[in-house]
Protein backbone atom coordinates (compact mmCIF):
# COMPACT_ATOMS: atom_id res chain seq x y z
CA MET A 1 -11.12 14.71 -19.36
CA ASP A 2 -12.52 13.14 -16.19
CA LEU A 3 -9.61 10.70 -16.13
CA ILE A 4 -7.02 13.46 -16.57
CA PHE A 5 -8.57 15.54 -13.77
CA ALA A 6 -8.74 12.47 -11.52
CA LEU A 7 -5.09 11.67 -12.16
CA LEU A 8 -3.60 15.17 -11.84
CA VAL A 9 -5.88 16.72 -9.21
CA TYR A 10 -8.31 14.46 -7.32
CA PRO A 11 -8.17 11.72 -6.18
CA GLY A 12 -4.77 11.14 -7.77
CA LEU A 13 -1.91 13.55 -7.30
CA ILE A 14 -2.99 15.99 -4.58
CA PRO A 15 -4.38 13.46 -2.04
CA THR A 16 -1.35 11.24 -2.68
CA LEU A 17 1.08 14.03 -1.85
CA LEU A 18 -0.80 15.06 1.29
CA LEU A 19 -1.28 11.50 2.53
CA THR A 20 2.36 10.62 1.80
CA LEU A 21 3.44 13.52 4.03
CA LEU A 22 1.06 12.18 6.65
CA PHE A 23 2.57 8.70 6.28
CA ASN A 24 6.04 10.14 6.81
CA PHE A 25 4.90 11.97 9.94
CA LEU A 26 2.82 9.20 11.53
CA VAL A 27 4.47 5.95 10.41
CA SER A 28 8.03 6.64 9.26
CA GLN A 29 8.42 9.60 11.62
CA ARG A 30 10.83 11.40 9.35
CA ARG A 31 10.55 14.27 6.92
CA LEU A 32 10.31 13.81 3.18
CA VAL A 33 13.70 14.40 1.54
CA LEU A 34 13.65 15.61 -2.05
CA PRO A 35 16.44 14.61 -4.48
CA PRO A 36 19.16 17.30 -4.50
CA ASP A 37 19.58 16.83 -8.27
CA PHE A 38 16.44 15.45 -9.94
CA ALA A 39 18.06 15.10 -13.35
CA LYS A 40 20.85 13.02 -11.84
CA ALA A 41 18.32 10.94 -9.90
CA ILE A 42 16.59 9.58 -13.01
CA LEU A 43 19.68 8.97 -15.17
CA ASN A 44 19.86 5.31 -14.14
CA THR A 45 17.63 2.25 -14.02
CA ASP A 46 16.83 2.59 -10.31
CA GLY A 47 15.71 6.21 -10.71
CA LEU A 48 13.56 5.49 -13.75
CA GLY A 49 12.01 2.54 -11.95
CA ALA A 50 11.19 4.81 -9.00
CA ILE A 51 9.49 7.36 -11.28
CA VAL A 52 7.41 4.67 -12.99
CA SER A 53 6.51 3.23 -9.58
CA ILE A 54 5.31 6.64 -8.35
CA ILE A 55 3.18 7.20 -11.46
CA LEU A 56 1.58 3.77 -11.11
CA ALA A 57 0.89 4.22 -7.39
CA VAL A 58 -0.71 7.63 -7.98
CA SER A 59 -2.74 6.18 -10.86
CA SER A 60 -4.09 3.43 -8.63
CA LEU A 61 -5.91 6.01 -6.49
CA VAL A 62 -7.93 7.05 -9.54
CA PHE A 63 -9.54 3.61 -9.66
CA MET A 64 -10.43 3.48 -5.96
CA PRO A 65 -14.03 4.14 -4.84
CA TRP A 66 -13.45 7.75 -3.76
CA PRO A 67 -16.49 10.02 -3.43
CA PHE A 68 -16.78 12.69 -6.14
CA ASN A 69 -14.64 10.53 -8.45
CA SER A 70 -16.39 10.36 -11.83
CA ALA A 71 -13.54 8.30 -13.29
CA HIS A 72 -14.22 5.33 -10.98
CA SER A 73 -15.83 2.24 -12.50
CA ASN A 74 -17.26 -0.60 -10.43
CA VAL A 75 -16.38 -3.07 -13.20
CA ALA A 76 -12.91 -2.06 -14.40
CA GLY A 77 -11.84 -0.11 -11.32
CA PRO A 78 -10.76 -2.97 -9.04
CA LEU A 79 -8.82 -4.73 -11.82
CA LEU A 80 -7.01 -1.57 -12.93
CA MET A 81 -6.26 -0.64 -9.32
CA TRP A 82 -4.80 -4.10 -8.67
CA ALA A 83 -2.67 -3.98 -11.84
CA ALA A 84 -1.32 -0.48 -11.11
CA LEU A 85 -0.49 -1.20 -7.45
CA GLU A 86 1.12 -4.56 -8.10
CA ALA A 87 3.22 -3.12 -10.92
CA ALA A 88 4.25 -0.21 -8.67
CA PHE A 89 5.63 -2.69 -6.12
CA LEU A 90 7.08 -5.24 -8.52
CA ILE A 91 9.04 -2.96 -10.86
CA PRO A 92 11.61 -1.78 -8.24
CA SER A 93 11.95 -5.35 -6.94
CA LEU A 94 12.59 -6.74 -10.41
CA ILE A 95 15.17 -4.04 -11.12
CA ALA A 96 17.00 -4.95 -7.91
CA GLN A 97 16.95 -8.62 -8.97
CA THR A 98 19.14 -7.74 -11.98
CA SER A 99 21.96 -6.41 -9.79
CA SER A 100 25.39 -7.98 -10.13
CA SER A 101 25.73 -8.04 -6.32
CA PRO A 102 24.53 -11.29 -4.68
CA MET A 103 23.81 -9.38 -1.46
CA VAL A 104 21.53 -6.94 -3.26
CA VAL A 105 19.68 -9.78 -4.98
CA ARG A 106 19.32 -11.63 -1.68
CA GLY A 107 17.90 -8.58 0.08
CA ALA A 108 15.57 -7.81 -2.83
CA ALA A 109 14.35 -11.42 -2.94
CA ARG A 110 13.56 -11.35 0.79
CA SER A 111 11.63 -8.08 0.44
CA LEU A 112 9.79 -9.41 -2.61
CA GLN A 113 8.63 -12.57 -0.83
CA ILE A 114 7.51 -10.78 2.33
CA GLY A 115 5.86 -7.99 0.36
CA MET A 116 3.94 -10.37 -1.89
CA ALA A 117 2.77 -12.43 1.09
CA GLY A 118 1.47 -9.28 2.76
CA ARG A 119 -0.22 -8.02 -0.40
CA ILE A 120 -1.95 -11.35 -0.99
CA VAL A 121 -3.59 -10.98 2.41
CA ILE A 122 -4.48 -7.37 1.64
CA TRP A 123 -6.13 -8.32 -1.66
CA CYS A 124 -8.16 -10.93 0.21
CA ALA A 125 -9.23 -8.21 2.66
CA PHE A 126 -10.11 -5.93 -0.25
CA GLY A 127 -12.20 -8.72 -1.79
CA VAL A 128 -14.23 -8.93 1.42
CA LEU A 129 -14.72 -5.16 1.51
CA TYR A 130 -15.69 -5.01 -2.16
CA TRP A 131 -18.18 -7.85 -1.77
CA ALA A 132 -19.69 -6.40 1.41
CA ASN A 133 -20.09 -2.97 -0.16
CA GLN A 134 -21.92 -4.26 -3.22
CA THR A 135 -24.92 -5.39 -1.16
CA TRP A 136 -24.51 -3.28 1.94
CA SER A 137 -26.42 -4.07 5.10
CA TRP A 138 -25.58 -3.68 8.77
CA SER A 139 -25.26 -7.45 9.02
CA ALA A 140 -22.09 -7.14 6.89
CA ALA A 141 -20.39 -4.87 9.45
CA PRO A 142 -18.55 -7.73 11.28
CA ALA A 143 -17.03 -8.87 7.98
CA ILE A 144 -15.89 -5.32 7.19
CA VAL A 145 -14.23 -4.98 10.61
CA LEU A 146 -12.51 -8.36 10.24
CA ALA A 147 -11.22 -7.38 6.78
CA TRP A 148 -9.85 -4.12 8.18
CA VAL A 149 -8.08 -5.98 10.99
CA SER A 150 -6.63 -8.43 8.47
CA GLY A 151 -5.39 -5.58 6.30
CA LEU A 152 -3.82 -3.77 9.25
CA LEU A 153 -1.95 -6.91 10.30
CA ALA A 154 -0.65 -7.47 6.76
CA LEU A 155 0.24 -3.88 5.86
CA PRO A 156 3.62 -3.69 7.69
CA ALA A 157 4.77 -6.77 5.76
CA ALA A 158 3.34 -5.53 2.47
CA ILE A 159 5.10 -2.16 2.66
CA GLY A 160 8.27 -3.40 4.37
CA VAL A 161 8.30 -1.41 7.61
CA GLY A 162 9.04 -2.23 11.22
CA MET A 163 10.03 -5.83 11.84
CA PHE A 164 9.60 -6.62 8.14
CA ARG A 165 12.22 -4.21 6.81
CA ASN A 166 15.47 -5.55 5.44
CA ASP A 167 18.07 -6.36 8.05
CA THR A 168 20.73 -3.70 8.53
CA ALA A 169 23.50 -5.59 6.78
CA LEU A 170 21.52 -5.95 3.57
CA THR A 171 19.98 -2.50 3.58
CA GLY A 172 23.36 -0.82 3.51
CA VAL A 173 24.49 -2.89 0.54
CA ILE A 174 21.33 -2.30 -1.49
CA THR A 175 21.99 1.44 -1.74
CA THR A 176 25.78 1.13 -2.12
CA GLY A 177 27.01 2.83 -5.28
CA ILE A 178 23.74 4.71 -5.89
CA ASN A 179 23.94 8.50 -5.78
CA ILE A 180 22.08 10.28 -3.00
CA SER A 181 19.58 11.86 -5.40
CA THR A 182 18.47 8.46 -6.66
CA VAL A 183 18.33 7.08 -3.12
CA ALA A 184 16.04 9.97 -2.10
CA LEU A 185 13.81 9.34 -5.13
CA MET A 186 13.64 5.62 -4.34
CA GLN A 187 12.58 6.43 -0.77
CA ILE A 188 9.85 8.77 -2.01
CA ALA A 189 8.60 6.02 -4.32
CA ALA A 190 8.50 3.57 -1.41
CA ASP A 191 6.52 6.05 0.69
CA VAL A 192 4.04 6.73 -2.12
CA ARG A 193 3.51 2.99 -2.69
CA ALA A 194 2.94 2.42 1.02
CA THR A 195 0.48 5.30 1.20
CA ALA A 196 -1.47 4.06 -1.82
CA LEU A 197 -1.77 0.56 -0.34
CA ILE A 198 -3.04 1.89 2.99
CA VAL A 199 -5.56 4.14 1.26
CA MET A 200 -6.73 1.23 -0.88
CA ILE A 201 -8.03 -0.44 2.27
CA THR A 202 -9.46 2.67 3.90
CA ALA A 203 -11.13 3.96 0.72
CA SER A 204 -12.93 0.62 0.44
CA LEU A 205 -13.78 0.50 4.15
CA ILE A 206 -16.61 3.05 4.08
CA PRO A 207 -19.68 1.61 2.29
CA VAL A 208 -20.89 3.60 -0.71
CA GLU A 209 -24.48 3.58 0.53
CA ILE A 210 -23.67 5.11 3.92
CA GLY A 211 -24.36 8.84 4.08
CA SER A 212 -23.43 11.50 1.56
CA ASP A 213 -20.18 11.80 -0.38
CA ILE A 214 -18.92 14.32 2.17
CA VAL A 215 -19.54 11.85 4.99
CA ARG A 216 -17.71 9.13 3.06
CA LEU A 217 -14.76 11.40 2.33
CA VAL A 218 -14.45 12.34 6.01
CA GLY A 219 -14.74 8.65 6.90
CA ILE A 220 -11.90 7.76 4.51
CA MET A 221 -9.65 10.46 5.96
CA VAL A 222 -10.39 9.47 9.56
CA SER A 223 -9.89 5.76 8.92
CA THR A 224 -6.64 6.48 7.04
CA VAL A 225 -5.22 8.47 9.94
CA LEU A 226 -6.37 5.82 12.42
CA SER A 227 -4.86 3.03 10.32
CA MET A 228 -1.50 4.81 10.12
CA VAL A 229 -1.47 5.37 13.88
CA ILE A 230 -2.24 1.69 14.50
CA ILE A 231 0.52 0.62 12.10
CA ARG A 232 2.99 2.86 13.92
CA ILE A 233 2.03 1.31 17.26
CA MET A 234 2.40 -2.17 15.77
CA ILE A 235 5.91 -1.62 14.39
CA ARG A 236 7.34 0.50 17.21
CA ASN A 237 10.52 -0.95 18.74
CA GLN A 238 10.07 -4.28 16.94
CA PRO A 239 13.18 -6.38 16.10
CA PHE A 240 13.88 -7.79 12.67
CA VAL A 241 12.11 -11.06 11.87
CA THR A 242 13.35 -13.90 9.70
CA LEU A 243 11.74 -14.65 6.36
CA ALA A 244 10.04 -17.74 7.79
CA ALA A 245 8.65 -15.78 10.74
CA ALA A 246 7.39 -13.03 8.42
CA LEU A 247 5.56 -15.55 6.23
CA ARG A 248 4.04 -17.22 9.28
CA TRP A 249 2.80 -13.81 10.41
CA CYS A 250 1.09 -13.24 7.06
CA TRP A 251 -0.44 -16.72 6.68
CA TRP A 252 -1.35 -17.55 10.30
CA ARG A 253 -2.12 -14.15 11.85
CA ALA A 254 -3.09 -11.71 9.11
CA LEU A 255 -4.94 -14.03 6.70
CA PRO A 256 -7.40 -15.86 9.05
CA PRO A 257 -9.59 -12.78 9.79
CA SER A 258 -10.17 -12.33 6.03
CA LEU A 259 -11.06 -16.00 5.61
CA VAL A 260 -13.47 -15.83 8.54
CA ALA A 261 -15.01 -12.71 6.99
CA LEU A 262 -15.47 -14.51 3.67
CA VAL A 263 -17.21 -17.42 5.37
CA TYR A 264 -19.38 -15.00 7.32
CA LEU A 265 -20.44 -13.15 4.16
CA GLN A 266 -21.23 -16.40 2.39
CA PHE A 267 -23.41 -17.94 5.08
CA PHE A 268 -24.74 -15.13 7.26
CA VAL A 269 -25.28 -12.14 4.95
CA SER A 270 -28.05 -12.27 2.40
């Protein structure tokens, strides 16, 4: 019963919907467009993949360390969260890889490589946050800040926004031949996935032992809004980058703060 409540009410469905609207307003700066014909939207592989992706992304929030979440488990939670989020991102990419159009496959392969590079960095940042929060002390604060910075730098690549989105020529081809209802559903799924990944960092940012559950919940909301604003500033008016440049960004700019944080935790935090 706890799991069902967590999935359908809190922290699953309702926070996801509200935070996805916030993501659209702050980061994408566009309104959420619902499919004109929902039945038509899911009568194809792309639409079904989008639905499964949404369900997995919403489910991942259940396994995050939210306050007042009785379904969260310190042991199984991180693994289930990782599996749900990765599957939510990979399923649409794998469906696109089966297209008969070489241009669609090329665009999907580029997005898959950049997205995976960004998510690898984000999982490293999450590892730092999870480790720091298990044995919380103020001496771990620099590592937590470094992990947050690392996650912020990697998030645009991981969710495919700003300079890391597909170039215009490929983006047009990817949606060619797909009805507008399915396209709208696919965009909603992308927004939900992006929101879940951002919240994964911010929900882990506030140590469990700091303050009451109310204080932690407010801290998660504030850090989520702040993270979205920072991401918007980062991606504003940025040109497309090549695949090589995107990978360099992930490995040589976003990853080092997480590695420094790991070293710091190992040698300077008891």
